[in-house]
Amino acid sequence: MQSIRSALPPEQTVRELARVFALLADPGRLRLTAALLQAGEMCVSDLAAVTGQSTSATSHALRLLRMHHVVQVRRTGRLAHYRLADSHMRMLFDLAITHIGHVTDPHRQGRRNDG
């Protein structure tokens, strides 16, 4: 038991991970991250249009995502262009989307879960 306990991430890491996952539990923010996964980089107005959210709601969501290092911003003049923060975030979202597709595949119903 001690070896398992010592292999667990530090409490501060667990708390920050919980905050990030709670932040990502919002469908609007997930749509924004999915759009960035596909496009690479987009400005606020384009993200709002693609995701069907208001510019204000999009800006607010992006500010929260940026505070937790999920996205980064690049400014050119008055435009702010957002992208996923790093390859880890891209991998996390890509894996999550693949996972959901895998577990919700109707052809897999009734089969043993093989991971």
PDB file of N, CA and C in Angstrom:
ATOM      1  N   MET A   1       0.815  -1.199   0.000  1.00  0.00           N
ATOM      2  CA  MET A   1       0.000   0.000   0.000  1.00  0.00           C
ATOM      3  C   MET A   1       0.860   1.266   0.000  1.00  0.00           C
ATOM      4  N   GLN A   2       1.951   1.238   0.730  1.00  0.00           N
ATOM      5  CA  GLN A   2       2.808   2.419   0.811  1.00  0.00           C
ATOM      6  C   GLN A   2       3.402   2.766  -0.553  1.00  0.00           C
ATOM      7  N   SER A   3       3.765   1.750  -1.340  1.00  0.00           N
ATOM      8  CA  SER A   3       4.346   2.036  -2.659  1.00  0.00           C
ATOM      9  C   SER A   3       3.312   2.697  -3.577  1.00  0.00           C
ATOM     10  N   ILE A   4       2.064   2.272  -3.446  1.00  0.00           N
ATOM     11  CA  ILE A   4       1.006   2.899  -4.242  1.00  0.00           C
ATOM     12  C   ILE A   4       0.797   4.333  -3.786  1.00  0.00           C
ATOM     13  N   ARG A   5       0.727   4.532  -2.478  1.00  0.00           N
ATOM     14  CA  ARG A   5       0.525   5.879  -1.935  1.00  0.00           C
ATOM     15  C   ARG A   5       1.658   6.815  -2.353  1.00  0.00           C
ATOM     16  N   SER A   6       2.886   6.332  -2.322  1.00  0.00           N
ATOM     17  CA  SER A   6       4.018   7.194  -2.678  1.00  0.00           C
ATOM     18  C   SER A   6       4.059   7.492  -4.177  1.00  0.00           C
ATOM     19  N   ALA A   7       3.405   6.662  -4.989  1.00  0.00           N
ATOM     20  CA  ALA A   7       3.375   6.889  -6.436  1.00  0.00           C
ATOM     21  C   ALA A   7       2.269   7.862  -6.851  1.00  0.00           C
ATOM     22  N   LEU A   8       1.344   8.165  -5.943  1.00  0.00           N
ATOM     23  CA  LEU A   8       0.260   9.100  -6.267  1.00  0.00           C
ATOM     24  C   LEU A   8       0.822  10.505  -6.456  1.00  0.00           C
ATOM     25  N   PRO A   9       0.188  11.311  -7.309  1.00  0.00           N
ATOM     26  CA  PRO A   9       0.653  12.688  -7.486  1.00  0.00           C
ATOM     27  C   PRO A   9       0.463  13.487  -6.196  1.00  0.00           C
ATOM     28  N   PRO A  10       1.264  14.540  -6.016  1.00  0.00           N
ATOM     29  CA  PRO A  10       1.126  15.382  -4.823  1.00  0.00           C
ATOM     30  C   PRO A  10      -0.277  15.987  -4.736  1.00  0.00           C
ATOM     31  N   GLU A  11      -0.708  16.286  -3.529  1.00  0.00           N
ATOM     32  CA  GLU A  11      -2.050  16.827  -3.288  1.00  0.00           C
ATOM     33  C   GLU A  11      -2.310  18.096  -4.092  1.00  0.00           C
ATOM     34  N   GLN A  12      -1.328  18.968  -4.183  1.00  0.00           N
ATOM     35  CA  GLN A  12      -1.496  20.211  -4.948  1.00  0.00           C
ATOM     36  C   GLN A  12      -1.770  19.895  -6.422  1.00  0.00           C
ATOM     37  N   THR A  13      -1.099  18.909  -6.965  1.00  0.00           N
ATOM     38  CA  THR A  13      -1.320  18.502  -8.356  1.00  0.00           C
ATOM     39  C   THR A  13      -2.727  17.949  -8.534  1.00  0.00           C
ATOM     40  N   VAL A  14      -3.173  17.138  -7.587  1.00  0.00           N
ATOM     41  CA  VAL A  14      -4.520  16.562  -7.656  1.00  0.00           C
ATOM     42  C   VAL A  14      -5.571  17.669  -7.608  1.00  0.00           C
ATOM     43  N   ARG A  15      -5.375  18.655  -6.737  1.00  0.00           N
ATOM     44  CA  ARG A  15      -6.329  19.764  -6.639  1.00  0.00           C
ATOM     45  C   ARG A  15      -6.394  20.572  -7.930  1.00  0.00           C
ATOM     46  N   GLU A  16      -5.229  20.860  -8.510  1.00  0.00           N
ATOM     47  CA  GLU A  16      -5.218  21.631  -9.761  1.00  0.00           C
ATOM     48  C   GLU A  16      -5.838  20.821 -10.896  1.00  0.00           C
ATOM     49  N   LEU A  17      -5.589  19.541 -10.942  1.00  0.00           N
ATOM     50  CA  LEU A  17      -6.199  18.679 -11.952  1.00  0.00           C
ATOM     51  C   LEU A  17      -7.717  18.676 -11.802  1.00  0.00           C
ATOM     52  N   ALA A  18      -8.195  18.618 -10.569  1.00  0.00           N
ATOM     53  CA  ALA A  18      -9.641  18.659 -10.317  1.00  0.00           C
ATOM     54  C   ALA A  18     -10.227  19.986 -10.788  1.00  0.00           C
ATOM     55  N   ARG A  19      -9.508  21.091 -10.571  1.00  0.00           N
ATOM     56  CA  ARG A  19      -9.988  22.403 -11.028  1.00  0.00           C
ATOM     57  C   ARG A  19     -10.070  22.454 -12.558  1.00  0.00           C
ATOM     58  N   VAL A  20      -9.057  21.910 -13.223  1.00  0.00           N
ATOM     59  CA  VAL A  20      -9.059  21.920 -14.692  1.00  0.00           C
ATOM     60  C   VAL A  20     -10.195  21.056 -15.224  1.00  0.00           C
ATOM     61  N   PHE A  21     -10.382  19.855 -14.658  1.00  0.00           N
ATOM     62  CA  PHE A  21     -11.467  18.997 -15.128  1.00  0.00           C
ATOM     63  C   PHE A  21     -12.833  19.613 -14.828  1.00  0.00           C
ATOM     64  N   ALA A  22     -12.975  20.290 -13.697  1.00  0.00           N
ATOM     65  CA  ALA A  22     -14.238  20.976 -13.392  1.00  0.00           C
ATOM     66  C   ALA A  22     -14.477  22.099 -14.402  1.00  0.00           C
ATOM     67  N   LEU A  23     -13.430  22.815 -14.746  1.00  0.00           N
ATOM     68  CA  LEU A  23     -13.522  23.878 -15.742  1.00  0.00           C
ATOM     69  C   LEU A  23     -13.964  23.313 -17.088  1.00  0.00           C
ATOM     70  N   LEU A  24     -13.451  22.151 -17.432  1.00  0.00           N
ATOM     71  CA  LEU A  24     -13.765  21.530 -18.718  1.00  0.00           C
ATOM     72  C   LEU A  24     -15.104  20.805 -18.715  1.00  0.00           C
ATOM     73  N   ALA A  25     -15.762  20.733 -17.579  1.00  0.00           N
ATOM     74  CA  ALA A  25     -17.057  20.049 -17.493  1.00  0.00           C
ATOM     75  C   ALA A  25     -18.186  20.869 -18.120  1.00  0.00           C
ATOM     76  N   ASP A  26     -17.896  22.073 -18.554  1.00  0.00           N
ATOM     77  CA  ASP A  26     -18.897  22.943 -19.173  1.00  0.00           C
ATOM     78  C   ASP A  26     -18.955  22.684 -20.683  1.00  0.00           C
ATOM     79  N   PRO A  27     -20.132  22.359 -21.237  1.00  0.00           N
ATOM     80  CA  PRO A  27     -20.236  22.069 -22.676  1.00  0.00           C
ATOM     81  C   PRO A  27     -19.758  23.209 -23.582  1.00  0.00           C
ATOM     82  N   GLY A  28     -20.014  24.440 -23.195  1.00  0.00           N
ATOM     83  CA  GLY A  28     -19.561  25.574 -24.009  1.00  0.00           C
ATOM     84  C   GLY A  28     -18.049  25.646 -24.092  1.00  0.00           C
ATOM     85  N   ARG A  29     -17.382  25.452 -22.965  1.00  0.00           N
ATOM     86  CA  ARG A  29     -15.919  25.476 -22.963  1.00  0.00           C
ATOM     87  C   ARG A  29     -15.359  24.276 -23.721  1.00  0.00           C
ATOM     88  N   LEU A  30     -16.041  23.143 -23.633  1.00  0.00           N
ATOM     89  CA  LEU A  30     -15.599  21.974 -24.398  1.00  0.00           C
ATOM     90  C   LEU A  30     -15.736  22.215 -25.898  1.00  0.00           C
ATOM     91  N   ARG A  31     -16.816  22.890 -26.318  1.00  0.00           N
ATOM     92  CA  ARG A  31     -16.960  23.218 -27.742  1.00  0.00           C
ATOM     93  C   ARG A  31     -15.819  24.122 -28.206  1.00  0.00           C
ATOM     94  N   LEU A  32     -15.440  25.077 -27.365  1.00  0.00           N
ATOM     95  CA  LEU A  32     -14.326  25.963 -27.716  1.00  0.00           C
ATOM     96  C   LEU A  32     -13.029  25.177 -27.869  1.00  0.00           C
ATOM     97  N   THR A  33     -12.757  24.293 -26.931  1.00  0.00           N
ATOM     98  CA  THR A  33     -11.518  23.516 -27.014  1.00  0.00           C
ATOM     99  C   THR A  33     -11.543  22.564 -28.205  1.00  0.00           C
ATOM    100  N   ALA A  34     -12.702  21.999 -28.511  1.00  0.00           N
ATOM    101  CA  ALA A  34     -12.814  21.120 -29.680  1.00  0.00           C
ATOM    102  C   ALA A  34     -12.574  21.910 -30.966  1.00  0.00           C
ATOM    103  N   ALA A  35     -13.087  23.135 -31.033  1.00  0.00           N
ATOM    104  CA  ALA A  35     -12.859  23.981 -32.210  1.00  0.00           C
ATOM    105  C   ALA A  35     -11.376  24.296 -32.360  1.00  0.00           C
ATOM    106  N   LEU A  36     -10.718  24.590 -31.244  1.00  0.00           N
ATOM    107  CA  LEU A  36      -9.284  24.877 -31.297  1.00  0.00           C
ATOM    108  C   LEU A  36      -8.482  23.635 -31.655  1.00  0.00           C
ATOM    109  N   LEU A  37      -8.940  22.489 -31.226  1.00  0.00           N
ATOM    110  CA  LEU A  37      -8.280  21.234 -31.593  1.00  0.00           C
ATOM    111  C   LEU A  37      -8.313  21.064 -33.110  1.00  0.00           C
ATOM    112  N   GLN A  38      -9.447  21.394 -33.736  1.00  0.00           N
ATOM    113  CA  GLN A  38      -9.594  21.253 -35.186  1.00  0.00           C
ATOM    114  C   GLN A  38      -8.865  22.354 -35.959  1.00  0.00           C
ATOM    115  N   ALA A  39      -9.006  23.597 -35.507  1.00  0.00           N
ATOM    116  CA  ALA A  39      -8.499  24.738 -36.275  1.00  0.00           C
ATOM    117  C   ALA A  39      -7.056  25.089 -35.957  1.00  0.00           C
ATOM    118  N   GLY A  40      -6.613  24.774 -34.770  1.00  0.00           N
ATOM    119  CA  GLY A  40      -5.276  25.172 -34.354  1.00  0.00           C
ATOM    120  C   GLY A  40      -5.291  26.514 -33.645  1.00  0.00           C
ATOM    121  N   GLU A  41      -5.774  27.546 -34.328  1.00  0.00           N
ATOM    122  CA  GLU A  41      -5.815  28.887 -33.747  1.00  0.00           C
ATOM    123  C   GLU A  41      -6.992  29.641 -34.347  1.00  0.00           C
ATOM    124  N   MET A  42      -7.713  30.368 -33.488  1.00  0.00           N
ATOM    125  CA  MET A  42      -8.872  31.143 -33.952  1.00  0.00           C
ATOM    126  C   MET A  42      -9.022  32.397 -33.105  1.00  0.00           C
ATOM    127  N   CYS A  43      -9.637  33.425 -33.708  1.00  0.00           N
ATOM    128  CA  CYS A  43      -9.942  34.643 -32.951  1.00  0.00           C
ATOM    129  C   CYS A  43     -11.284  34.461 -32.234  1.00  0.00           C
ATOM    130  N   VAL A  44     -11.560  35.337 -31.294  1.00  0.00           N
ATOM    131  CA  VAL A  44     -12.753  35.234 -30.454  1.00  0.00           C
ATOM    132  C   VAL A  44     -14.031  35.232 -31.284  1.00  0.00           C
ATOM    133  N   SER A  45     -14.134  36.149 -32.241  1.00  0.00           N
ATOM    134  CA  SER A  45     -15.377  36.231 -33.020  1.00  0.00           C
ATOM    135  C   SER A  45     -15.603  34.971 -33.853  1.00  0.00           C
ATOM    136  N   ASP A  46     -14.541  34.400 -34.406  1.00  0.00           N
ATOM    137  CA  ASP A  46     -14.685  33.155 -35.168  1.00  0.00           C
ATOM    138  C   ASP A  46     -15.066  31.993 -34.256  1.00  0.00           C
ATOM    139  N   LEU A  47     -14.453  31.938 -33.074  1.00  0.00           N
ATOM    140  CA  LEU A  47     -14.808  30.887 -32.110  1.00  0.00           C
ATOM    141  C   LEU A  47     -16.270  31.008 -31.697  1.00  0.00           C
ATOM    142  N   ALA A  48     -16.717  32.237 -31.462  1.00  0.00           N
ATOM    143  CA  ALA A  48     -18.117  32.457 -31.080  1.00  0.00           C
ATOM    144  C   ALA A  48     -19.049  31.981 -32.188  1.00  0.00           C
ATOM    145  N   ALA A  49     -18.721  32.325 -33.429  1.00  0.00           N
ATOM    146  CA  ALA A  49     -19.569  31.935 -34.556  1.00  0.00           C
ATOM    147  C   ALA A  49     -19.602  30.420 -34.738  1.00  0.00           C
ATOM    148  N   VAL A  50     -18.455  29.790 -34.657  1.00  0.00           N
ATOM    149  CA  VAL A  50     -18.365  28.339 -34.873  1.00  0.00           C
ATOM    150  C   VAL A  50     -19.088  27.560 -33.781  1.00  0.00           C
ATOM    151  N   THR A  51     -19.005  28.047 -32.545  1.00  0.00           N
ATOM    152  CA  THR A  51     -19.586  27.304 -31.421  1.00  0.00           C
ATOM    153  C   THR A  51     -21.006  27.735 -31.084  1.00  0.00           C
ATOM    154  N   GLY A  52     -21.501  28.787 -31.735  1.00  0.00           N
ATOM    155  CA  GLY A  52     -22.862  29.240 -31.477  1.00  0.00           C
ATOM    156  C   GLY A  52     -23.034  29.958 -30.154  1.00  0.00           C
ATOM    157  N   GLN A  53     -21.956  30.532 -29.643  1.00  0.00           N
ATOM    158  CA  GLN A  53     -22.008  31.267 -28.380  1.00  0.00           C
ATOM    159  C   GLN A  53     -21.865  32.762 -28.661  1.00  0.00           C
ATOM    160  N   SER A  54     -22.282  33.578 -27.719  1.00  0.00           N
ATOM    161  CA  SER A  54     -22.089  35.017 -27.874  1.00  0.00           C
ATOM    162  C   SER A  54     -20.601  35.337 -27.729  1.00  0.00           C
ATOM    163  N   THR A  55     -20.209  36.479 -28.278  1.00  0.00           N
ATOM    164  CA  THR A  55     -18.812  36.906 -28.156  1.00  0.00           C
ATOM    165  C   THR A  55     -18.445  37.109 -26.698  1.00  0.00           C
ATOM    166  N   SER A  56     -19.372  37.662 -25.926  1.00  0.00           N
ATOM    167  CA  SER A  56     -19.131  37.894 -24.503  1.00  0.00           C
ATOM    168  C   SER A  56     -18.910  36.581 -23.754  1.00  0.00           C
ATOM    169  N   ALA A  57     -19.776  35.601 -23.985  1.00  0.00           N
ATOM    170  CA  ALA A  57     -19.635  34.299 -23.320  1.00  0.00           C
ATOM    171  C   ALA A  57     -18.350  33.613 -23.754  1.00  0.00           C
ATOM    172  N   THR A  58     -18.011  33.752 -25.030  1.00  0.00           N
ATOM    173  CA  THR A  58     -16.780  33.152 -25.548  1.00  0.00           C
ATOM    174  C   THR A  58     -15.563  33.784 -24.893  1.00  0.00           C
ATOM    175  N   SER A  59     -15.539  35.107 -24.811  1.00  0.00           N
ATOM    176  CA  SER A  59     -14.418  35.809 -24.173  1.00  0.00           C
ATOM    177  C   SER A  59     -14.269  35.399 -22.719  1.00  0.00           C
ATOM    178  N   HIS A  60     -15.384  35.311 -22.012  1.00  0.00           N
ATOM    179  CA  HIS A  60     -15.348  34.913 -20.604  1.00  0.00           C
ATOM    180  C   HIS A  60     -14.800  33.492 -20.457  1.00  0.00           C
ATOM    181  N   ALA A  61     -15.284  32.580 -21.282  1.00  0.00           N
ATOM    182  CA  ALA A  61     -14.827  31.190 -21.215  1.00  0.00           C
ATOM    183  C   ALA A  61     -13.340  31.097 -21.542  1.00  0.00           C
ATOM    184  N   LEU A  62     -12.898  31.832 -22.546  1.00  0.00           N
ATOM    185  CA  LEU A  62     -11.484  31.801 -22.921  1.00  0.00           C
ATOM    186  C   LEU A  62     -10.602  32.378 -21.820  1.00  0.00           C
ATOM    187  N   ARG A  63     -11.094  33.392 -21.129  1.00  0.00           N
ATOM    188  CA  ARG A  63     -10.329  33.956 -20.009  1.00  0.00           C
ATOM    189  C   ARG A  63     -10.134  32.903 -18.923  1.00  0.00           C
ATOM    190  N   LEU A  64     -11.201  32.164 -18.602  1.00  0.00           N
ATOM    191  CA  LEU A  64     -11.088  31.096 -17.604  1.00  0.00           C
ATOM    192  C   LEU A  64     -10.127  30.004 -18.069  1.00  0.00           C
ATOM    193  N   LEU A  65     -10.245  29.613 -19.322  1.00  0.00           N
ATOM    194  CA  LEU A  65      -9.361  28.573 -19.862  1.00  0.00           C
ATOM    195  C   LEU A  65      -7.906  29.036 -19.862  1.00  0.00           C
ATOM    196  N   ARG A  66      -7.693  30.306 -20.144  1.00  0.00           N
ATOM    197  CA  ARG A  66      -6.325  30.843 -20.132  1.00  0.00           C
ATOM    198  C   ARG A  66      -5.760  30.886 -18.713  1.00  0.00           C
ATOM    199  N   MET A  67      -6.590  31.249 -17.735  1.00  0.00           N
ATOM    200  CA  MET A  67      -6.141  31.303 -16.336  1.00  0.00           C
ATOM    201  C   MET A  67      -5.648  29.943 -15.850  1.00  0.00           C
ATOM    202  N   HIS A  68      -6.198  28.876 -16.403  1.00  0.00           N
ATOM    203  CA  HIS A  68      -5.810  27.523 -15.996  1.00  0.00           C
ATOM    204  C   HIS A  68      -4.883  26.863 -17.012  1.00  0.00           C
ATOM    205  N   HIS A  69      -4.294  27.666 -17.882  1.00  0.00           N
ATOM    206  CA  HIS A  69      -3.274  27.205 -18.837  1.00  0.00           C
ATOM    207  C   HIS A  69      -3.783  26.147 -19.806  1.00  0.00           C
ATOM    208  N   VAL A  70      -5.074  26.205 -20.120  1.00  0.00           N
ATOM    209  CA  VAL A  70      -5.645  25.299 -21.118  1.00  0.00           C
ATOM    210  C   VAL A  70      -5.440  25.891 -22.511  1.00  0.00           C
ATOM    211  N   VAL A  71      -5.559  27.210 -22.633  1.00  0.00           N
ATOM    212  CA  VAL A  71      -5.331  27.898 -23.908  1.00  0.00           C
ATOM    213  C   VAL A  71      -4.296  28.998 -23.719  1.00  0.00           C
ATOM    214  N   GLN A  72      -3.730  29.429 -24.836  1.00  0.00           N
ATOM    215  CA  GLN A  72      -2.810  30.568 -24.873  1.00  0.00           C
ATOM    216  C   GLN A  72      -3.369  31.584 -25.853  1.00  0.00           C
ATOM    217  N   VAL A  73      -2.952  32.824 -25.684  1.00  0.00           N
ATOM    218  CA  VAL A  73      -3.425  33.896 -26.565  1.00  0.00           C
ATOM    219  C   VAL A  73      -2.233  34.539 -27.263  1.00  0.00           C
ATOM    220  N   ARG A  74      -2.458  34.932 -28.513  1.00  0.00           N
ATOM    221  CA  ARG A  74      -1.487  35.700 -29.291  1.00  0.00           C
ATOM    222  C   ARG A  74      -2.238  36.912 -29.812  1.00  0.00           C
ATOM    223  N   ARG A  75      -1.717  38.081 -29.517  1.00  0.00           N
ATOM    224  CA  ARG A  75      -2.406  39.308 -29.927  1.00  0.00           C
ATOM    225  C   ARG A  75      -1.727  39.921 -31.150  1.00  0.00           C
ATOM    226  N   THR A  76      -2.565  40.327 -32.096  1.00  0.00           N
ATOM    227  CA  THR A  76      -2.102  41.097 -33.257  1.00  0.00           C
ATOM    228  C   THR A  76      -3.035  42.295 -33.369  1.00  0.00           C
ATOM    229  N   GLY A  77      -2.515  43.443 -32.978  1.00  0.00           N
ATOM    230  CA  GLY A  77      -3.364  44.634 -32.939  1.00  0.00           C
ATOM    231  C   GLY A  77      -4.462  44.444 -31.914  1.00  0.00           C
ATOM    232  N   ARG A  78      -5.702  44.597 -32.353  1.00  0.00           N
ATOM    233  CA  ARG A  78      -6.839  44.444 -31.438  1.00  0.00           C
ATOM    234  C   ARG A  78      -7.373  43.022 -31.399  1.00  0.00           C
ATOM    235  N   LEU A  79      -6.885  42.164 -32.286  1.00  0.00           N
ATOM    236  CA  LEU A  79      -7.373  40.786 -32.334  1.00  0.00           C
ATOM    237  C   LEU A  79      -6.597  39.887 -31.380  1.00  0.00           C
ATOM    238  N   ALA A  80      -7.325  39.002 -30.732  1.00  0.00           N
ATOM    239  CA  ALA A  80      -6.717  37.987 -29.867  1.00  0.00           C
ATOM    240  C   ALA A  80      -6.960  36.629 -30.518  1.00  0.00           C
ATOM    241  N   HIS A  81      -5.888  35.923 -30.793  1.00  0.00           N
ATOM    242  CA  HIS A  81      -5.970  34.595 -31.405  1.00  0.00           C
ATOM    243  C   HIS A  81      -5.647  33.560 -30.332  1.00  0.00           C
ATOM    244  N   TYR A  82      -6.544  32.589 -30.170  1.00  0.00           N
ATOM    245  CA  TYR A  82      -6.380  31.570 -29.138  1.00  0.00           C
ATOM    246  C   TYR A  82      -6.005  30.235 -29.757  1.00  0.00           C
ATOM    247  N   ARG A  83      -5.250  29.459 -28.981  1.00  0.00           N
ATOM    248  CA  ARG A  83      -4.879  28.098 -29.363  1.00  0.00           C
ATOM    249  C   ARG A  83      -4.753  27.280 -28.086  1.00  0.00           C
ATOM    250  N   LEU A  84      -4.817  25.963 -28.217  1.00  0.00           N
ATOM    251  CA  LEU A  84      -4.602  25.117 -27.048  1.00  0.00           C
ATOM    252  C   LEU A  84      -3.188  25.361 -26.543  1.00  0.00           C
ATOM    253  N   ALA A  85      -3.006  25.290 -25.236  1.00  0.00           N
ATOM    254  CA  ALA A  85      -1.761  25.713 -24.609  1.00  0.00           C
ATOM    255  C   ALA A  85      -0.543  24.921 -25.061  1.00  0.00           C
ATOM    256  N   ASP A  86      -0.690  23.630 -25.206  1.00  0.00           N
ATOM    257  CA  ASP A  86       0.473  22.830 -25.574  1.00  0.00           C
ATOM    258  C   ASP A  86       0.035  21.478 -26.121  1.00  0.00           C
ATOM    259  N   SER A  87       1.009  20.676 -26.486  1.00  0.00           N
ATOM    260  CA  SER A  87       0.699  19.368 -27.070  1.00  0.00           C
ATOM    261  C   SER A  87      -0.003  18.460 -26.068  1.00  0.00           C
ATOM    262  N   HIS A  88       0.243  18.662 -24.775  1.00  0.00           N
ATOM    263  CA  HIS A  88      -0.435  17.840 -23.763  1.00  0.00           C
ATOM    264  C   HIS A  88      -1.934  18.082 -23.786  1.00  0.00           C
ATOM    265  N   MET A  89      -2.327  19.351 -23.914  1.00  0.00           N
ATOM    266  CA  MET A  89      -3.757  19.660 -23.968  1.00  0.00           C
ATOM    267  C   MET A  89      -4.371  19.094 -25.245  1.00  0.00           C
ATOM    268  N   ARG A  90      -3.657  19.205 -26.360  1.00  0.00           N
ATOM    269  CA  ARG A  90      -4.166  18.633 -27.613  1.00  0.00           C
ATOM    270  C   ARG A  90      -4.340  17.124 -27.479  1.00  0.00           C
ATOM    271  N   MET A  91      -3.354  16.456 -26.884  1.00  0.00           N
ATOM    272  CA  MET A  91      -3.449  14.998 -26.698  1.00  0.00           C
ATOM    273  C   MET A  91      -4.595  14.637 -25.766  1.00  0.00           C
ATOM    274  N   LEU A  92      -4.765  15.401 -24.683  1.00  0.00           N
ATOM    275  CA  LEU A  92      -5.837  15.135 -23.728  1.00  0.00           C
ATOM    276  C   LEU A  92      -7.202  15.201 -24.413  1.00  0.00           C
ATOM    277  N   PHE A  93      -7.442  16.260 -25.183  1.00  0.00           N
ATOM    278  CA  PHE A  93      -8.734  16.402 -25.854  1.00  0.00           C
ATOM    279  C   PHE A  93      -8.917  15.364 -26.948  1.00  0.00           C
ATOM    280  N   ASP A  94      -7.862  15.104 -27.696  1.00  0.00           N
ATOM    281  CA  ASP A  94      -7.957  14.102 -28.751  1.00  0.00           C
ATOM    282  C   ASP A  94      -8.268  12.728 -28.157  1.00  0.00           C
ATOM    283  N   LEU A  95      -7.589  12.376 -27.070  1.00  0.00           N
ATOM    284  CA  LEU A  95      -7.852  11.093 -26.405  1.00  0.00           C
ATOM    285  C   LEU A  95      -9.255  11.035 -25.821  1.00  0.00           C
ATOM    286  N   ALA A  96      -9.704  12.133 -25.223  1.00  0.00           N
ATOM    287  CA  ALA A  96     -11.046  12.156 -24.630  1.00  0.00           C
ATOM    288  C   ALA A  96     -12.117  11.979 -25.704  1.00  0.00           C
ATOM    289  N   ILE A  97     -11.952  12.655 -26.834  1.00  0.00           N
ATOM    290  CA  ILE A  97     -12.922  12.533 -27.923  1.00  0.00           C
ATOM    291  C   ILE A  97     -12.906  11.115 -28.482  1.00  0.00           C
ATOM    292  N   THR A  98     -11.714  10.543 -28.647  1.00  0.00           N
ATOM    293  CA  THR A  98     -11.600   9.164 -29.128  1.00  0.00           C
ATOM    294  C   THR A  98     -12.236   8.205 -28.136  1.00  0.00           C
ATOM    295  N   HIS A  99     -12.005   8.434 -26.855  1.00  0.00           N
ATOM    296  CA  HIS A  99     -12.571   7.571 -25.812  1.00  0.00           C
ATOM    297  C   HIS A  99     -14.096   7.583 -25.857  1.00  0.00           C
ATOM    298  N   ILE A 100     -14.675   8.767 -25.943  1.00  0.00           N
ATOM    299  CA  ILE A 100     -16.136   8.867 -25.978  1.00  0.00           C
ATOM    300  C   ILE A 100     -16.687   8.153 -27.205  1.00  0.00           C
ATOM    301  N   GLY A 101     -16.040   8.329 -28.341  1.00  0.00           N
ATOM    302  CA  GLY A 101     -16.468   7.618 -29.543  1.00  0.00           C
ATOM    303  C   GLY A 101     -16.355   6.118 -29.382  1.00  0.00           C
ATOM    304  N   HIS A 102     -15.324   5.685 -28.683  1.00  0.00           N
ATOM    305  CA  HIS A 102     -15.093   4.256 -28.465  1.00  0.00           C
ATOM    306  C   HIS A 102     -16.158   3.650 -27.550  1.00  0.00           C
ATOM    307  N   VAL A 103     -16.455   4.323 -26.461  1.00  0.00           N
ATOM    308  CA  VAL A 103     -17.407   3.747 -25.497  1.00  0.00           C
ATOM    309  C   VAL A 103     -18.857   3.941 -25.909  1.00  0.00           C
ATOM    310  N   THR A 104     -19.116   4.856 -26.839  1.00  0.00           N
ATOM    311  CA  THR A 104     -20.501   5.053 -27.278  1.00  0.00           C
ATOM    312  C   THR A 104     -20.782   4.409 -28.630  1.00  0.00           C
ATOM    313  N   ASP A 105     -19.811   3.694 -29.176  1.00  0.00           N
ATOM    314  CA  ASP A 105     -19.987   3.005 -30.457  1.00  0.00           C
ATOM    315  C   ASP A 105     -21.055   1.933 -30.295  1.00  0.00           C
ATOM    316  N   PRO A 106     -22.171   2.031 -31.032  1.00  0.00           N
ATOM    317  CA  PRO A 106     -23.260   1.052 -30.866  1.00  0.00           C
ATOM    318  C   PRO A 106     -22.837  -0.372 -31.218  1.00  0.00           C
ATOM    319  N   HIS A 107     -21.793  -0.528 -32.031  1.00  0.00           N
ATOM    320  CA  HIS A 107     -21.327  -1.868 -32.391  1.00  0.00           C
ATOM    321  C   HIS A 107     -20.606  -2.547 -31.230  1.00  0.00           C
ATOM    322  N   ARG A 108     -20.208  -1.754 -30.236  1.00  0.00           N
ATOM    323  CA  ARG A 108     -19.498  -2.313 -29.084  1.00  0.00           C
ATOM    324  C   ARG A 108     -20.454  -2.717 -27.968  1.00  0.00           C
ATOM    325  N   GLN A 109     -21.725  -2.391 -28.082  1.00  0.00           N
ATOM    326  CA  GLN A 109     -22.692  -2.720 -27.035  1.00  0.00           C
ATOM    327  C   GLN A 109     -22.685  -4.218 -26.779  1.00  0.00           C
ATOM    328  N   GLY A 110     -22.609  -4.581 -25.536  1.00  0.00           N
ATOM    329  CA  GLY A 110     -22.653  -5.985 -25.159  1.00  0.00           C
ATOM    330  C   GLY A 110     -21.300  -6.674 -25.207  1.00  0.00           C
ATOM    331  N   ARG A 111     -20.279  -6.006 -25.747  1.00  0.00           N
ATOM    332  CA  ARG A 111     -18.943  -6.598 -25.762  1.00  0.00           C
ATOM    333  C   ARG A 111     -18.221  -6.268 -24.475  1.00  0.00           C
ATOM    334  N   ARG A 112     -17.258  -7.087 -24.166  1.00  0.00           N
ATOM    335  CA  ARG A 112     -16.430  -6.859 -22.989  1.00  0.00           C
ATOM    336  C   ARG A 112     -15.591  -5.604 -23.199  1.00  0.00           C
ATOM    337  N   ASN A 113     -15.435  -4.790 -22.161  1.00  0.00           N
ATOM    338  CA  ASN A 113     -14.622  -3.584 -22.239  1.00  0.00           C
ATOM    339  C   ASN A 113     -13.162  -3.987 -22.234  1.00  0.00           C
ATOM    340  N   ASP A 114     -12.472  -3.755 -23.360  1.00  0.00           N
ATOM    341  CA  ASP A 114     -11.073  -4.144 -23.457  1.00  0.00           C
ATOM    342  C   ASP A 114     -10.136  -2.955 -23.358  1.00  0.00           C
ATOM    343  N   GLY A 115     -10.615  -1.829 -22.802  1.00  0.00           N
ATOM    344  CA  GLY A 115      -9.759  -0.696 -22.542  1.00  0.00           C
ATOM    345  C   GLY A 115      -9.787   0.252 -23.634  1.00  0.00           C
TER     346      GLY A 115
END
